[in-house]
Protein backbone atom coordinates (compact mmCIF):
# COMPACT_ATOMS: atom_id res chain seq x y z
CA MET A 1 87.71 -130.50 -63.41
CA VAL A 2 84.92 -128.59 -64.27
CA LYS A 3 83.02 -127.54 -61.16
CA VAL A 4 79.00 -128.17 -60.87
CA LYS A 5 76.31 -126.39 -59.25
CA PHE A 6 72.58 -127.67 -58.93
CA CYS A 7 70.33 -124.77 -58.52
CA GLY A 8 67.04 -124.49 -57.35
CA ILE A 9 67.07 -127.01 -54.60
CA THR A 10 64.07 -126.73 -52.73
CA THR A 11 63.98 -129.85 -50.31
CA PRO A 12 66.62 -131.49 -47.84
CA LYS A 13 66.12 -134.78 -49.80
CA ASP A 14 67.18 -133.15 -52.69
CA ALA A 15 69.79 -131.29 -51.20
CA LEU A 16 71.28 -134.66 -49.82
CA TRP A 17 71.16 -136.51 -53.02
CA ALA A 18 73.05 -133.71 -54.81
CA VAL A 19 75.73 -134.11 -51.79
CA ASN A 20 76.12 -137.63 -52.16
CA MET A 21 76.68 -137.47 -55.80
CA GLY A 22 79.49 -135.22 -55.16
CA VAL A 23 78.42 -131.76 -56.42
CA ASP A 24 80.46 -128.92 -55.82
CA PHE A 25 77.61 -126.04 -55.06
CA ILE A 26 74.13 -126.17 -54.02
CA GLY A 27 71.79 -123.08 -54.95
CA ILE A 28 69.05 -122.18 -52.84
CA ASN A 29 66.41 -119.61 -54.32
CA LEU A 30 65.44 -116.69 -52.02
CA VAL A 31 63.51 -114.81 -55.23
CA LYS A 32 59.97 -114.15 -54.06
CA GLU A 33 58.72 -114.62 -57.86
CA SER A 34 60.53 -117.71 -58.63
CA PRO A 35 58.86 -120.94 -58.72
CA ARG A 36 61.69 -122.55 -56.80
CA LYS A 37 61.44 -120.09 -53.76
CA VAL A 38 62.07 -121.38 -50.58
CA SER A 39 61.39 -119.61 -47.02
CA LEU A 40 64.09 -118.56 -44.93
CA GLU A 41 63.09 -121.23 -42.44
CA GLN A 42 63.37 -124.01 -45.20
CA ALA A 43 66.84 -122.57 -46.60
CA GLY A 44 67.90 -122.64 -42.79
CA LYS A 45 67.05 -126.17 -42.50
CA MET A 46 68.85 -127.06 -45.58
CA ILE A 47 72.00 -125.20 -44.85
CA GLY A 48 72.08 -127.06 -41.66
CA ILE A 49 72.33 -130.54 -43.32
CA ILE A 50 74.66 -129.67 -46.21
CA PRO A 51 78.40 -130.41 -45.14
CA PRO A 52 81.06 -128.02 -45.55
CA PHE A 53 83.06 -129.57 -48.61
CA THR A 54 79.53 -128.66 -50.54
CA LYS A 55 79.39 -124.81 -50.83
CA THR A 56 75.91 -123.00 -50.78
CA ALA A 57 74.73 -119.95 -52.76
CA ALA A 58 71.76 -118.04 -52.00
CA VAL A 59 70.14 -116.74 -55.19
CA THR A 60 68.65 -113.35 -55.01
CA ALA A 61 67.30 -110.68 -57.43
CA ASP A 62 67.28 -106.97 -56.54
CA MET A 63 66.87 -107.44 -52.99
CA PRO A 64 66.91 -104.09 -51.04
CA LEU A 65 70.44 -104.02 -50.02
CA ASP A 66 69.41 -103.45 -46.22
CA GLU A 67 67.05 -106.79 -46.45
CA LEU A 68 69.87 -108.80 -48.01
CA LEU A 69 72.37 -107.88 -45.50
CA LYS A 70 69.86 -108.55 -42.59
CA THR A 71 69.11 -112.03 -44.20
CA ALA A 72 72.89 -112.66 -44.51
CA LYS A 73 73.47 -112.38 -40.70
CA LYS A 74 70.72 -114.99 -40.36
CA LEU A 75 71.68 -117.62 -43.02
CA SER A 76 75.29 -118.75 -43.36
CA PHE A 77 75.46 -119.04 -46.85
CA ASN A 78 78.77 -119.45 -48.51
CA TYR A 79 77.94 -117.16 -51.43
CA TRP A 80 75.19 -114.86 -52.23
CA GLN A 81 74.20 -114.83 -56.02
CA LEU A 82 73.16 -111.80 -57.49
CA HIS A 83 70.66 -112.41 -60.17
CA GLY A 84 69.00 -109.32 -61.05
CA ASN A 85 69.97 -105.92 -62.30
CA GLU A 86 72.36 -104.89 -59.37
CA ASP A 87 74.66 -102.24 -60.32
CA PRO A 88 78.43 -101.78 -59.43
CA ALA A 89 77.70 -99.75 -56.25
CA TYR A 90 75.47 -102.33 -54.82
CA VAL A 91 78.05 -105.15 -55.50
CA LYS A 92 80.71 -103.21 -53.66
CA ALA A 93 78.70 -102.35 -50.90
CA CYS A 94 77.84 -106.17 -50.42
CA ARG A 95 81.58 -107.05 -50.56
CA ALA A 96 82.31 -104.18 -47.92
CA ASN A 97 79.99 -106.15 -45.76
CA GLY A 98 82.10 -109.20 -46.30
CA LEU A 99 79.92 -111.32 -48.39
CA SER A 100 81.16 -113.44 -50.86
CA LEU A 101 79.61 -112.83 -54.41
CA ILE A 102 78.69 -114.66 -57.63
CA LYS A 103 77.01 -111.88 -60.11
CA ALA A 104 75.08 -113.22 -62.87
CA VAL A 105 75.20 -111.77 -66.22
CA LYS A 106 72.24 -111.98 -68.58
CA MET A 107 73.75 -113.11 -72.12
CA GLY A 108 71.86 -111.72 -75.20
CA GLY A 109 71.49 -108.42 -76.55
CA GLU A 110 73.96 -105.54 -75.41
CA ILE A 111 76.10 -106.48 -72.57
CA ASP A 112 77.37 -103.80 -70.05
CA TRP A 113 81.33 -104.44 -70.66
CA PRO A 114 82.41 -101.22 -68.41
CA GLY A 115 79.78 -102.12 -65.66
CA ILE A 116 81.20 -105.73 -65.70
CA GLU A 117 84.92 -104.46 -65.43
CA GLU A 118 83.84 -101.97 -62.61
CA MET A 119 82.41 -104.77 -60.49
CA LYS A 120 84.67 -107.51 -61.08
CA GLY A 121 87.13 -106.91 -58.33
CA SER A 122 84.37 -106.94 -55.97
CA LEU A 123 83.07 -110.62 -56.72
CA ASP A 124 84.49 -114.30 -56.43
CA PHE A 125 82.73 -115.30 -59.69
CA PHE A 126 80.45 -114.18 -62.75
CA LEU A 127 77.66 -116.58 -63.75
CA LEU A 128 76.45 -116.49 -67.31
CA ASP A 129 72.69 -117.16 -68.00
CA THR A 130 70.39 -116.74 -70.73
CA LYS A 131 68.58 -113.06 -71.13
CA LYS A 132 64.97 -113.52 -70.83
CA GLU A 133 62.55 -110.69 -69.84
CA ASP A 134 60.96 -110.98 -66.22
CA ILE A 135 62.55 -114.41 -65.75
CA SER A 136 65.57 -114.60 -63.16
CA GLY A 137 67.23 -117.85 -64.17
CA GLY A 138 65.73 -121.37 -64.82
CA THR A 139 64.67 -120.51 -68.26
CA GLY A 140 65.39 -123.89 -69.68
CA GLU A 141 67.16 -121.97 -72.84
CA THR A 142 70.35 -121.71 -73.93
CA PHE A 143 72.28 -118.58 -75.22
CA ASP A 144 74.88 -118.39 -78.08
CA TRP A 145 78.14 -119.82 -76.23
CA ASN A 146 80.21 -118.02 -78.64
CA LEU A 147 79.30 -115.03 -76.39
CA ALA A 148 80.63 -116.92 -73.29
CA VAL A 149 83.81 -117.61 -75.29
CA LEU A 150 83.94 -113.70 -75.94
CA PHE A 151 83.39 -113.23 -72.16
CA LYS A 152 86.09 -115.45 -71.38
CA GLU A 153 88.43 -113.53 -73.49
CA LYS A 154 87.44 -109.90 -72.26
CA ILE A 155 87.01 -110.45 -68.63
CA ASP A 156 89.61 -112.24 -66.66
CA LYS A 157 87.38 -113.78 -63.92
CA PRO A 158 86.22 -117.40 -63.34
CA PHE A 159 82.63 -117.91 -64.00
CA PHE A 160 79.70 -120.38 -64.06
CA LEU A 161 78.26 -121.12 -67.17
CA ALA A 162 74.36 -121.54 -66.85
CA GLY A 163 71.18 -121.08 -68.89
CA GLY A 164 69.48 -124.22 -70.37
CA LEU A 165 72.03 -126.89 -69.68
CA THR A 166 71.12 -130.42 -69.66
CA PRO A 167 72.44 -133.87 -69.33
CA GLU A 168 72.39 -133.97 -73.04
CA ASN A 169 74.37 -130.71 -73.90
CA VAL A 170 76.52 -129.96 -70.74
CA GLY A 171 79.51 -132.06 -72.39
CA GLU A 172 79.50 -130.15 -75.49
CA ALA A 173 79.19 -126.69 -73.41
CA VAL A 174 82.22 -127.79 -71.56
CA LYS A 175 84.19 -128.79 -74.35
CA ARG A 176 83.17 -125.33 -76.55
CA VAL A 177 83.60 -123.06 -73.66
CA HIS A 178 85.85 -124.27 -70.81
CA PRO A 179 83.88 -122.70 -68.19
CA TRP A 180 85.13 -122.85 -64.37
CA ALA A 181 81.97 -124.36 -63.51
CA VAL A 182 78.33 -125.23 -64.87
CA ASP A 183 74.99 -124.56 -63.44
CA ALA A 184 72.02 -126.46 -63.79
CA ALA A 185 68.30 -125.75 -62.75
CA SER A 186 65.34 -126.81 -64.87
CA GLY A 187 67.73 -129.41 -67.18
CA ILE A 188 67.82 -131.66 -64.07
CA GLU A 189 64.07 -131.40 -62.62
CA LYS A 190 61.00 -133.56 -62.90
CA SER A 191 59.27 -130.01 -61.91
CA PRO A 192 60.32 -126.59 -60.62
CA ARG A 193 60.13 -127.91 -57.12
CA SER A 194 61.71 -131.76 -57.42
CA LYS A 195 64.79 -132.79 -59.04
CA ASP A 196 65.48 -135.81 -60.83
CA PHE A 197 67.98 -138.21 -59.43
CA GLU A 198 69.14 -139.84 -62.81
CA LYS A 199 69.25 -136.47 -64.63
CA MET A 200 71.54 -134.95 -61.61
CA LYS A 201 73.85 -138.14 -62.05
CA ILE A 202 74.02 -138.09 -65.46
CA PHE A 203 74.41 -134.38 -65.54
CA LEU A 204 77.57 -134.67 -63.37
CA SER A 205 79.01 -137.53 -65.22
CA SER A 206 78.72 -135.90 -68.50
CA ALA A 207 80.12 -132.61 -67.15
CA ARG A 208 83.30 -134.05 -65.39
CA ASN A 209 84.13 -136.42 -68.25
CA ALA A 210 83.96 -133.75 -70.87
């Protein structure tokens, strides 16, 4: 059964909603420019109430390596989601310091297949998201899912399918791409800092029933 990740969770209330629904992963955004960004204190409070059977992922983008490693010592996230232009050397350094990693790949335009291959061994998962300049995720826009199918054929690594997924289209996405997991942020929101209970529930059901 496909795994489901709800990303951009900003409040303990939304985190507990997601947990009680049975979501597999919760993403908490630490990117300073993101409308879904939370403080380290807020992130720590949410981690503290999320049970161990629901995995947590810290979303970062081009955070200086020393800052990321210091933050990782303060906050016990299960995964660190690198959502910027981090290169293979950065990824390998994170892995060498014991971090479990998800690396976002922006789909659209030219794809750096050699770079993806080089960092693959240091990652737990990839995450395929819509390429849009100056926005790190949460675009609300899909990309050509044929690119995800191509990625699956070329790169032997499980991945999260993201980018504009909603309760209305996630079932089709799962049927067409067969990803290991799906990821939603804007598609399950009332606003960038508030999730929608009904959308979350329908998204989960649609993804898993597909």
